[in-house]
Amino acid sequence: MALCLANSLVARHGFEPYDQLVRYKWWFRHGYMSSTGNCFDIGDSTRKALCEFENRQKVFAQQHRIPLEGIDYLSDKQLLADFPIYCSSDGAAGNGVLMRLAPVPLIFYRNPEIAVGFSGISGRITHGDKKAFDACRYYGALIVAIMNNLDIDKDKLLSKEFYSSEMKKWLKNDPLDSEIENIAKGSFKKEKGYDAGIRGKGYVVNSLEAALWAFWSTRTFVEGALAAVNLGDDTDTTAAIYGQLASAYYGFRKLPSEWVNCVYSRRFIDCLCKWIDYERSQLHFNN
């Protein structure tokens, strides 16, 4: 889904939630951007949201006399603005919302408020709970902070003071949910990790806390990835969430070559990353 999101940002030259949902639907139904050619391990919240999206597309196509075979390719700005993009129920707070996030802050980081806002919206279109929305905003803010200061110290980045003095400015007077704010203030800083209650489960609050614990408690990308996986439970998602923040912090050159060389379609992903950087360079924000 991260590749779907990245492709949307590049193909549409910006943030278009409708197109993101279309590409997630293609992944769900046709295996678009999947390493196996099929959708696998889709979360219940995501599946329900995409089914709801399909239903809304059919209704919207009838209302606006759009051929159903063309509904995935909307480009009219008014039609895109009129489409109801938030396809999730209010209580959906699965961790799948976080594991696809990174392309958004990587493109928009030069304007932190926009990057953080778009990070939240990117999650809300499939996960309607405020906790999911705010988990994306906070995690996006961490990546934004790193990208704007590549020499930032990890302890400073994860400190309560940095959250209060810097990140809160990017939330635009919309406070974080109390559980997410508790994490932002350091609830994950537990030396004993699993024995102290850190769990990499499917609930977005647990996953966020677990990924941050793995990042905070280790000194290298590899150590953190192994710590995330060895928590058990939803290991792949915890590691995927961890990897977005950790790779931004440590940098590509610090990733183990034996892991990088095993990545499926690495050349395609390398190319996509260059396009992301190009699209970022073309953005101009009004101060």
C-alpha atoms as a PDB file:
ATOM      1  CA  MET A   1       0.000   0.000   0.000  1.00  0.00           C
ATOM      2  CA  ALA A   2       2.967   2.305   0.533  1.00  0.00           C
ATOM      3  CA  LEU A   3       3.874   1.773  -3.122  1.00  0.00           C
ATOM      4  CA  CYS A   4       0.273   2.528  -4.121  1.00  0.00           C
ATOM      5  CA  LEU A   5       0.422   5.763  -2.142  1.00  0.00           C
ATOM      6  CA  ALA A   6       3.811   6.736  -3.552  1.00  0.00           C
ATOM      7  CA  ASN A   7       2.639   6.066  -7.102  1.00  0.00           C
ATOM      8  CA  SER A   8      -0.428   8.207  -6.548  1.00  0.00           C
ATOM      9  CA  LEU A   9       1.613  11.131  -5.240  1.00  0.00           C
ATOM     10  CA  VAL A  10       3.883  10.941  -8.276  1.00  0.00           C
ATOM     11  CA  ALA A  11       1.230  10.272 -10.925  1.00  0.00           C
ATOM     12  CA  ARG A  12      -1.103  13.005  -9.668  1.00  0.00           C
ATOM     13  CA  HIS A  13       1.705  15.440  -8.863  1.00  0.00           C
ATOM     14  CA  GLY A  14       0.364  15.920  -5.381  1.00  0.00           C
ATOM     15  CA  PHE A  15      -2.039  14.720  -2.737  1.00  0.00           C
ATOM     16  CA  GLU A  16      -5.288  13.309  -4.154  1.00  0.00           C
ATOM     17  CA  PRO A  17      -7.108  10.999  -1.699  1.00  0.00           C
ATOM     18  CA  TYR A  18      -9.558   9.720  -4.320  1.00  0.00           C
ATOM     19  CA  ASP A  19      -6.717   8.447  -6.472  1.00  0.00           C
ATOM     20  CA  GLN A  20      -5.088   6.867  -3.421  1.00  0.00           C
ATOM     21  CA  LEU A  21      -8.276   4.925  -2.747  1.00  0.00           C
ATOM     22  CA  VAL A  22      -8.443   3.840  -6.390  1.00  0.00           C
ATOM     23  CA  ARG A  23      -4.934   2.415  -6.218  1.00  0.00           C
ATOM     24  CA  TYR A  24      -5.646   0.674  -2.921  1.00  0.00           C
ATOM     25  CA  LYS A  25      -8.697  -0.838  -4.607  1.00  0.00           C
ATOM     26  CA  TRP A  26      -6.549  -2.027  -7.505  1.00  0.00           C
ATOM     27  CA  TRP A  27      -4.216  -3.671  -5.001  1.00  0.00           C
ATOM     28  CA  PHE A  28      -7.170  -5.271  -3.209  1.00  0.00           C
ATOM     29  CA  ARG A  29      -8.867  -6.550  -6.362  1.00  0.00           C
ATOM     30  CA  HIS A  30      -5.994  -7.074  -8.801  1.00  0.00           C
ATOM     31  CA  GLY A  31      -2.734  -7.243  -6.847  1.00  0.00           C
ATOM     32  CA  TYR A  32      -1.506  -3.857  -8.102  1.00  0.00           C
ATOM     33  CA  MET A  33       1.956  -3.105  -6.648  1.00  0.00           C
ATOM     34  CA  SER A  34       2.007  -6.462  -4.843  1.00  0.00           C
ATOM     35  CA  SER A  35       5.211  -8.513  -4.821  1.00  0.00           C
ATOM     36  CA  THR A  36       3.127 -11.658  -5.358  1.00  0.00           C
ATOM     37  CA  GLY A  37       0.681 -10.272  -7.903  1.00  0.00           C
ATOM     38  CA  ASN A  38      -2.152 -10.736  -5.431  1.00  0.00           C
ATOM     39  CA  CYS A  39      -3.543  -8.928  -2.418  1.00  0.00           C
ATOM     40  CA  PHE A  40      -2.605 -10.713   0.779  1.00  0.00           C
ATOM     41  CA  ASP A  41      -2.973 -10.016   4.483  1.00  0.00           C
ATOM     42  CA  ILE A  42      -5.416  -7.132   4.123  1.00  0.00           C
ATOM     43  CA  GLY A  43      -6.743  -5.788   7.413  1.00  0.00           C
ATOM     44  CA  ASP A  44     -10.447  -5.849   8.177  1.00  0.00           C
ATOM     45  CA  SER A  45     -10.718  -2.055   8.450  1.00  0.00           C
ATOM     46  CA  THR A  46      -9.006  -1.537   5.105  1.00  0.00           C
ATOM     47  CA  ARG A  47     -11.105  -4.192   3.389  1.00  0.00           C
ATOM     48  CA  LYS A  48     -14.366  -2.715   4.671  1.00  0.00           C
ATOM     49  CA  ALA A  49     -13.315   0.805   3.679  1.00  0.00           C
ATOM     50  CA  LEU A  50     -12.396  -0.270   0.148  1.00  0.00           C
ATOM     51  CA  CYS A  51     -15.672  -2.138  -0.285  1.00  0.00           C
ATOM     52  CA  GLU A  52     -17.488   0.989   0.867  1.00  0.00           C
ATOM     53  CA  PHE A  53     -15.424   3.024  -1.600  1.00  0.00           C
ATOM     54  CA  GLU A  54     -16.496   0.738  -4.444  1.00  0.00           C
ATOM     55  CA  ASN A  55     -20.144   1.147  -3.464  1.00  0.00           C
ATOM     56  CA  ARG A  56     -19.790   4.921  -3.339  1.00  0.00           C
ATOM     57  CA  GLN A  57     -18.138   4.916  -6.750  1.00  0.00           C
ATOM     58  CA  LYS A  58     -21.129   3.109  -8.251  1.00  0.00           C
ATOM     59  CA  VAL A  59     -23.593   5.566  -6.720  1.00  0.00           C
ATOM     60  CA  PHE A  60     -21.459   8.550  -7.731  1.00  0.00           C
ATOM     61  CA  ALA A  61     -21.144   7.276 -11.298  1.00  0.00           C
ATOM     62  CA  GLN A  62     -24.931   6.976 -11.590  1.00  0.00           C
ATOM     63  CA  GLN A  63     -25.541  10.408 -10.078  1.00  0.00           C
ATOM     64  CA  HIS A  64     -23.106  12.122 -12.430  1.00  0.00           C
ATOM     65  CA  ARG A  65     -23.696   9.930 -15.495  1.00  0.00           C
ATOM     66  CA  ILE A  66     -20.118   8.708 -15.563  1.00  0.00           C
ATOM     67  CA  PRO A  67     -19.467   5.357 -17.281  1.00  0.00           C
ATOM     68  CA  LEU A  68     -18.518   2.857 -14.595  1.00  0.00           C
ATOM     69  CA  GLU A  69     -15.402   1.844 -16.520  1.00  0.00           C
ATOM     70  CA  GLY A  70     -14.181   5.438 -16.269  1.00  0.00           C
ATOM     71  CA  ILE A  71     -14.925   6.092 -12.604  1.00  0.00           C
ATOM     72  CA  ASP A  72     -11.377   5.223 -11.490  1.00  0.00           C
ATOM     73  CA  TYR A  73      -9.936   7.972 -13.666  1.00  0.00           C
ATOM     74  CA  LEU A  74     -11.669  11.097 -12.403  1.00  0.00           C
ATOM     75  CA  SER A  75      -9.723  14.274 -13.086  1.00  0.00           C
ATOM     76  CA  ASP A  76     -12.366  16.996 -12.851  1.00  0.00           C
ATOM     77  CA  LYS A  77     -11.524  19.030  -9.754  1.00  0.00           C
ATOM     78  CA  GLN A  78     -15.136  19.640  -8.798  1.00  0.00           C
ATOM     79  CA  LEU A  79     -16.051  15.968  -9.064  1.00  0.00           C
ATOM     80  CA  LEU A  80     -13.023  15.036  -6.978  1.00  0.00           C
ATOM     81  CA  ALA A  81     -14.015  17.613  -4.371  1.00  0.00           C
ATOM     82  CA  ASP A  82     -17.593  16.308  -4.286  1.00  0.00           C
ATOM     83  CA  PHE A  83     -16.725  12.639  -3.816  1.00  0.00           C
ATOM     84  CA  PRO A  84     -17.060  11.452  -0.173  1.00  0.00           C
ATOM     85  CA  ILE A  85     -13.533  10.129   0.424  1.00  0.00           C
ATOM     86  CA  TYR A  86     -13.819   9.139   4.087  1.00  0.00           C
ATOM     87  CA  CYS A  87     -14.962   5.559   3.645  1.00  0.00           C
ATOM     88  CA  SER A  88     -14.361   4.157   7.118  1.00  0.00           C
ATOM     89  CA  SER A  89     -16.466   3.751  10.219  1.00  0.00           C
ATOM     90  CA  ASP A  90     -15.592   5.937  13.199  1.00  0.00           C
ATOM     91  CA  GLY A  91     -14.155   3.110  15.291  1.00  0.00           C
ATOM     92  CA  ALA A  92     -11.613   1.736  12.805  1.00  0.00           C
ATOM     93  CA  ALA A  93      -8.170   1.952  14.439  1.00  0.00           C
ATOM     94  CA  GLY A  94      -6.104  -0.848  12.923  1.00  0.00           C
ATOM     95  CA  ASN A  95      -2.355  -0.548  12.480  1.00  0.00           C
ATOM     96  CA  GLY A  96      -2.447  -0.851   8.684  1.00  0.00           C
ATOM     97  CA  VAL A  97      -2.999   2.879   8.571  1.00  0.00           C
ATOM     98  CA  LEU A  98       0.581   3.523   9.736  1.00  0.00           C
ATOM     99  CA  MET A  99       2.583   1.064   7.689  1.00  0.00           C
ATOM    100  CA  ARG A 100       1.966   2.867   4.368  1.00  0.00           C
ATOM    101  CA  LEU A 101       2.518   6.441   5.578  1.00  0.00           C
ATOM    102  CA  ALA A 102       6.099   7.430   4.689  1.00  0.00           C
ATOM    103  CA  PRO A 103       5.643   8.748   1.115  1.00  0.00           C
ATOM    104  CA  VAL A 104       3.483  11.625   2.377  1.00  0.00           C
ATOM    105  CA  PRO A 105       5.927  13.253   4.821  1.00  0.00           C
ATOM    106  CA  LEU A 106       8.826  12.493   2.464  1.00  0.00           C
ATOM    107  CA  ILE A 107       7.271  14.620  -0.277  1.00  0.00           C
ATOM    108  CA  PHE A 108       5.761  17.421   1.802  1.00  0.00           C
ATOM    109  CA  TYR A 109       8.245  17.775   4.668  1.00  0.00           C
ATOM    110  CA  ARG A 110       9.383  21.264   3.674  1.00  0.00           C
ATOM    111  CA  ASN A 111       6.010  22.534   4.892  1.00  0.00           C
ATOM    112  CA  PRO A 112       5.498  20.712   8.214  1.00  0.00           C
ATOM    113  CA  GLU A 113       1.881  21.780   8.742  1.00  0.00           C
ATOM    114  CA  ILE A 114       0.841  20.543   5.308  1.00  0.00           C
ATOM    115  CA  ALA A 115       2.854  17.336   5.681  1.00  0.00           C
ATOM    116  CA  VAL A 116       1.323  16.546   9.065  1.00  0.00           C
ATOM    117  CA  GLY A 117      -2.184  17.401   7.878  1.00  0.00           C
ATOM    118  CA  PHE A 118      -1.893  15.229   4.774  1.00  0.00           C
ATOM    119  CA  SER A 119      -0.429  12.418   6.890  1.00  0.00           C
ATOM    120  CA  GLY A 120      -3.609  12.396   8.935  1.00  0.00           C
ATOM    121  CA  ILE A 121      -5.916  12.516   5.926  1.00  0.00           C
ATOM    122  CA  SER A 122      -4.006   9.690   4.239  1.00  0.00           C
ATOM    123  CA  GLY A 123      -4.997   7.483   7.148  1.00  0.00           C
ATOM    124  CA  ARG A 124      -8.503   8.763   7.724  1.00  0.00           C
ATOM    125  CA  ILE A 125      -9.747   7.717   4.282  1.00  0.00           C
ATOM    126  CA  THR A 126      -9.620   4.058   5.397  1.00  0.00           C
ATOM    127  CA  HIS A 127      -9.459   4.292   9.207  1.00  0.00           C
ATOM    128  CA  GLY A 128     -11.989   6.640  10.747  1.00  0.00           C
ATOM    129  CA  ASP A 129     -11.000   6.589  14.407  1.00  0.00           C
ATOM    130  CA  LYS A 130      -9.355   9.742  15.787  1.00  0.00           C
ATOM    131  CA  LYS A 131      -6.570   7.594  17.225  1.00  0.00           C
ATOM    132  CA  ALA A 132      -5.641   6.349  13.749  1.00  0.00           C
ATOM    133  CA  PHE A 133      -5.784   9.878  12.337  1.00  0.00           C
ATOM    134  CA  ASP A 134      -3.581  11.224  15.113  1.00  0.00           C
ATOM    135  CA  ALA A 135      -1.151   8.311  15.033  1.00  0.00           C
ATOM    136  CA  CYS A 136      -0.506   9.191  11.389  1.00  0.00           C
ATOM    137  CA  ARG A 137      -0.121  12.874  12.192  1.00  0.00           C
ATOM    138  CA  TYR A 138       2.357  12.243  14.995  1.00  0.00           C
ATOM    139  CA  TYR A 139       4.386   9.648  13.095  1.00  0.00           C
ATOM    140  CA  GLY A 140       4.393  11.874  10.037  1.00  0.00           C
ATOM    141  CA  ALA A 141       5.633  14.729  12.223  1.00  0.00           C
ATOM    142  CA  LEU A 142       8.562  12.623  13.412  1.00  0.00           C
ATOM    143  CA  ILE A 143       9.625  11.905   9.831  1.00  0.00           C
ATOM    144  CA  VAL A 144       9.162  15.575   8.935  1.00  0.00           C
ATOM    145  CA  ALA A 145      11.379  16.595  11.849  1.00  0.00           C
ATOM    146  CA  ILE A 146      14.124  14.226  10.700  1.00  0.00           C
ATOM    147  CA  MET A 147      13.962  15.329   7.074  1.00  0.00           C
ATOM    148  CA  ASN A 148      14.216  18.984   8.060  1.00  0.00           C
ATOM    149  CA  ASN A 149      17.190  18.330  10.344  1.00  0.00           C
ATOM    150  CA  LEU A 150      19.146  15.245   9.330  1.00  0.00           C
ATOM    151  CA  ASP A 151      21.520  15.712  12.260  1.00  0.00           C
ATOM    152  CA  ILE A 152      18.789  15.751  14.893  1.00  0.00           C
ATOM    153  CA  ASP A 153      19.611  13.739  17.989  1.00  0.00           C
ATOM    154  CA  LYS A 154      17.311  10.768  18.634  1.00  0.00           C
ATOM    155  CA  ASP A 155      16.793  11.695  22.283  1.00  0.00           C
ATOM    156  CA  LYS A 156      15.772  15.217  21.295  1.00  0.00           C
ATOM    157  CA  LEU A 157      13.456  13.969  18.549  1.00  0.00           C
ATOM    158  CA  LEU A 158      11.630  11.672  20.968  1.00  0.00           C
ATOM    159  CA  SER A 159      11.581  14.057  23.908  1.00  0.00           C
ATOM    160  CA  LYS A 160       8.481  15.481  25.517  1.00  0.00           C
ATOM    161  CA  GLU A 161      10.015  18.936  25.162  1.00  0.00           C
ATOM    162  CA  PHE A 162      10.477  18.653  21.386  1.00  0.00           C
ATOM    163  CA  TYR A 163       6.897  17.485  20.988  1.00  0.00           C
ATOM    164  CA  SER A 164       5.587  20.365  23.092  1.00  0.00           C
ATOM    165  CA  SER A 165       7.797  23.096  21.626  1.00  0.00           C
ATOM    166  CA  GLU A 166       7.919  22.105  17.950  1.00  0.00           C
ATOM    167  CA  MET A 167       5.483  19.420  16.876  1.00  0.00           C
ATOM    168  CA  LYS A 168       2.419  20.938  18.497  1.00  0.00           C
ATOM    169  CA  LYS A 169       2.801  23.906  16.149  1.00  0.00           C
ATOM    170  CA  TRP A 170       2.249  21.575  13.205  1.00  0.00           C
ATOM    171  CA  LEU A 171      -1.066  20.228  14.537  1.00  0.00           C
ATOM    172  CA  LYS A 172      -2.897  23.490  13.779  1.00  0.00           C
ATOM    173  CA  ASN A 173      -4.858  23.723  17.030  1.00  0.00           C
ATOM    174  CA  ASP A 174      -6.196  20.166  16.720  1.00  0.00           C
ATOM    175  CA  PRO A 175      -4.795  18.332  19.775  1.00  0.00           C
ATOM    176  CA  LEU A 176      -3.818  14.693  19.600  1.00  0.00           C
ATOM    177  CA  ASP A 177      -6.037  12.029  21.096  1.00  0.00           C
ATOM    178  CA  SER A 178      -4.980  11.442  24.697  1.00  0.00           C
ATOM    179  CA  GLU A 179      -3.596   7.948  24.006  1.00  0.00           C
ATOM    180  CA  ILE A 180      -1.473   9.192  21.114  1.00  0.00           C
ATOM    181  CA  GLU A 181      -0.313  12.213  23.084  1.00  0.00           C
ATOM    182  CA  ASN A 182       0.700   9.905  25.908  1.00  0.00           C
ATOM    183  CA  ILE A 183       2.954   8.104  23.429  1.00  0.00           C
ATOM    184  CA  ALA A 184       4.288  11.425  22.129  1.00  0.00           C
ATOM    185  CA  LYS A 185       5.260  12.267  25.695  1.00  0.00           C
ATOM    186  CA  GLY A 186       7.259   9.056  26.041  1.00  0.00           C
ATOM    187  CA  SER A 187       5.052   6.177  27.209  1.00  0.00           C
ATOM    188  CA  PHE A 188       7.088   3.833  24.975  1.00  0.00           C
ATOM    189  CA  LYS A 189      10.318   4.468  26.899  1.00  0.00           C
ATOM    190  CA  LYS A 190      10.319   1.226  28.847  1.00  0.00           C
ATOM    191  CA  GLU A 191      13.680  -0.423  29.343  1.00  0.00           C
ATOM    192  CA  LYS A 192      12.209  -3.912  29.702  1.00  0.00           C
ATOM    193  CA  GLY A 193      10.144  -3.676  26.523  1.00  0.00           C
ATOM    194  CA  TYR A 194       7.925  -6.726  26.206  1.00  0.00           C
ATOM    195  CA  ASP A 195       8.146  -7.502  29.915  1.00  0.00           C
ATOM    196  CA  ALA A 196       7.000  -3.943  30.621  1.00  0.00           C
ATOM    197  CA  GLY A 197       3.925  -4.281  28.403  1.00  0.00           C
ATOM    198  CA  ILE A 198       5.144  -3.228  24.946  1.00  0.00           C
ATOM    199  CA  ARG A 199       3.123  -5.182  22.376  1.00  0.00           C
ATOM    200  CA  GLY A 200       3.144  -5.125  18.580  1.00  0.00           C
ATOM    201  CA  LYS A 201      -0.542  -5.845  18.147  1.00  0.00           C
ATOM    202  CA  GLY A 202      -3.065  -4.875  15.487  1.00  0.00           C
ATOM    203  CA  TYR A 203      -4.403  -1.872  17.400  1.00  0.00           C
ATOM    204  CA  VAL A 204      -2.772   1.306  16.103  1.00  0.00           C
ATOM    205  CA  VAL A 205      -1.892   2.583  19.584  1.00  0.00           C
ATOM    206  CA  ASN A 206      -0.040  -0.637  20.441  1.00  0.00           C
ATOM    207  CA  SER A 207       1.782  -0.690  17.111  1.00  0.00           C
ATOM    208  CA  LEU A 208       2.860   2.934  17.333  1.00  0.00           C
ATOM    209  CA  GLU A 209       4.190   2.417  20.832  1.00  0.00           C
ATOM    210  CA  ALA A 210       5.987  -0.795  19.815  1.00  0.00           C
ATOM    211  CA  ALA A 211       7.654   0.745  16.762  1.00  0.00           C
ATOM    212  CA  LEU A 212       8.836   3.737  18.767  1.00  0.00           C
ATOM    213  CA  TRP A 213      10.144   1.491  21.532  1.00  0.00           C
ATOM    214  CA  ALA A 214      12.180  -0.466  18.966  1.00  0.00           C
ATOM    215  CA  PHE A 215      13.575   2.786  17.568  1.00  0.00           C
ATOM    216  CA  TRP A 216      14.299   4.359  20.955  1.00  0.00           C
ATOM    217  CA  SER A 217      15.849   1.324  22.645  1.00  0.00           C
ATOM    218  CA  THR A 218      18.387   0.383  19.950  1.00  0.00           C
ATOM    219  CA  ARG A 219      21.389   1.962  18.247  1.00  0.00           C
ATOM    220  CA  THR A 220      21.242   0.696  14.656  1.00  0.00           C
ATOM    221  CA  PHE A 221      18.630   0.001  12.005  1.00  0.00           C
ATOM    222  CA  VAL A 222      19.215  -3.744  12.237  1.00  0.00           C
ATOM    223  CA  GLU A 223      18.998  -3.862  16.027  1.00  0.00           C
ATOM    224  CA  GLY A 224      15.720  -1.970  15.936  1.00  0.00           C
ATOM    225  CA  ALA A 225      14.209  -4.106  13.186  1.00  0.00           C
ATOM    226  CA  LEU A 226      15.036  -7.278  15.082  1.00  0.00           C
ATOM    227  CA  ALA A 227      13.669  -5.792  18.304  1.00  0.00           C
ATOM    228  CA  ALA A 228      10.408  -4.927  16.536  1.00  0.00           C
ATOM    229  CA  VAL A 229      10.009  -8.394  15.028  1.00  0.00           C
ATOM    230  CA  ASN A 230      10.950 -10.202  18.226  1.00  0.00           C
ATOM    231  CA  LEU A 231       8.059  -8.582  20.077  1.00  0.00           C
ATOM    232  CA  GLY A 232       5.890 -11.156  18.329  1.00  0.00           C
ATOM    233  CA  ASP A 233       2.201 -10.740  17.458  1.00  0.00           C
ATOM    234  CA  ASP A 234       1.807  -8.596  14.297  1.00  0.00           C
ATOM    235  CA  THR A 235       5.518  -8.684  13.523  1.00  0.00           C
ATOM    236  CA  ASP A 236       5.538  -7.598   9.876  1.00  0.00           C
ATOM    237  CA  THR A 237       3.447  -4.501  10.495  1.00  0.00           C
ATOM    238  CA  THR A 238       5.401  -3.456  13.583  1.00  0.00           C
ATOM    239  CA  ALA A 239       8.638  -3.767  11.616  1.00  0.00           C
ATOM    240  CA  ALA A 240       7.178  -1.911   8.624  1.00  0.00           C
ATOM    241  CA  ILE A 241       6.123   0.972  10.852  1.00  0.00           C
ATOM    242  CA  TYR A 242       9.509   1.004  12.571  1.00  0.00           C
ATOM    243  CA  GLY A 243      11.344   0.891   9.247  1.00  0.00           C
ATOM    244  CA  GLN A 244       9.813   4.097   7.937  1.00  0.00           C
ATOM    245  CA  LEU A 245      11.077   6.201  10.821  1.00  0.00           C
ATOM    246  CA  ALA A 246      14.351   4.350  11.290  1.00  0.00           C
ATOM    247  CA  SER A 247      15.352   4.481   7.630  1.00  0.00           C
ATOM    248  CA  ALA A 248      14.686   8.224   7.556  1.00  0.00           C
ATOM    249  CA  TYR A 249      16.847   8.622  10.655  1.00  0.00           C
ATOM    250  CA  TYR A 250      19.754   6.298   9.814  1.00  0.00           C
ATOM    251  CA  GLY A 251      19.704   6.845   6.053  1.00  0.00           C
ATOM    252  CA  PHE A 252      19.840   4.458   3.113  1.00  0.00           C
ATOM    253  CA  ARG A 253      23.588   3.883   3.400  1.00  0.00           C
ATOM    254  CA  LYS A 254      23.156   2.458   6.899  1.00  0.00           C
ATOM    255  CA  LEU A 255      20.763  -0.249   5.740  1.00  0.00           C
ATOM    256  CA  PRO A 256      22.405  -3.690   5.518  1.00  0.00           C
ATOM    257  CA  SER A 257      23.286  -4.452   1.895  1.00  0.00           C
ATOM    258  CA  GLU A 258      22.335  -8.107   2.302  1.00  0.00           C
ATOM    259  CA  TRP A 259      18.795  -6.977   3.130  1.00  0.00           C
ATOM    260  CA  VAL A 260      18.586  -4.293   0.455  1.00  0.00           C
ATOM    261  CA  ASN A 261      19.769  -6.667  -2.269  1.00  0.00           C
ATOM    262  CA  CYS A 262      16.931  -9.069  -1.458  1.00  0.00           C
ATOM    263  CA  VAL A 263      14.170  -6.498  -1.925  1.00  0.00           C
ATOM    264  CA  TYR A 264      11.741  -7.465  -4.675  1.00  0.00           C
ATOM    265  CA  SER A 265      11.707  -5.000  -7.607  1.00  0.00           C
ATOM    266  CA  ARG A 266      14.483  -2.961  -6.053  1.00  0.00           C
ATOM    267  CA  ARG A 267      15.235  -1.098  -9.301  1.00  0.00           C
ATOM    268  CA  PHE A 268      11.612  -0.051  -9.611  1.00  0.00           C
ATOM    269  CA  ILE A 269      11.565   1.148  -5.998  1.00  0.00           C
ATOM    270  CA  ASP A 270      14.826   3.053  -6.552  1.00  0.00           C
ATOM    271  CA  CYS A 271      13.233   4.765  -9.548  1.00  0.00           C
ATOM    272  CA  LEU A 272      10.071   5.563  -7.601  1.00  0.00           C
ATOM    273  CA  CYS A 273      12.142   7.119  -4.814  1.00  0.00           C
ATOM    274  CA  LYS A 274      13.829   9.387  -7.355  1.00  0.00           C
ATOM    275  CA  TRP A 275      10.430  10.440  -8.651  1.00  0.00           C
ATOM    276  CA  ILE A 276       9.309  11.200  -5.097  1.00  0.00           C
ATOM    277  CA  ASP A 277      12.354  13.405  -4.649  1.00  0.00           C
ATOM    278  CA  TYR A 278      11.660  15.107  -7.970  1.00  0.00           C
ATOM    279  CA  GLU A 279       8.028  15.791  -7.091  1.00  0.00           C
ATOM    280  CA  ARG A 280       9.164  17.198  -3.754  1.00  0.00           C
ATOM    281  CA  SER A 281      11.543  19.553  -5.554  1.00  0.00           C
ATOM    282  CA  GLN A 282       8.692  20.877  -7.702  1.00  0.00           C
ATOM    283  CA  LEU A 283       6.494  21.889  -4.780  1.00  0.00           C
ATOM    284  CA  HIS A 284       6.249  25.568  -3.938  1.00  0.00           C
ATOM    285  CA  PHE A 285       4.545  26.632  -0.742  1.00  0.00           C
ATOM    286  CA  ASN A 286       3.172  30.040   0.111  1.00  0.00           C
ATOM    287  CA  ASN A 287       4.426  31.198   3.496  1.00  0.00           C
END
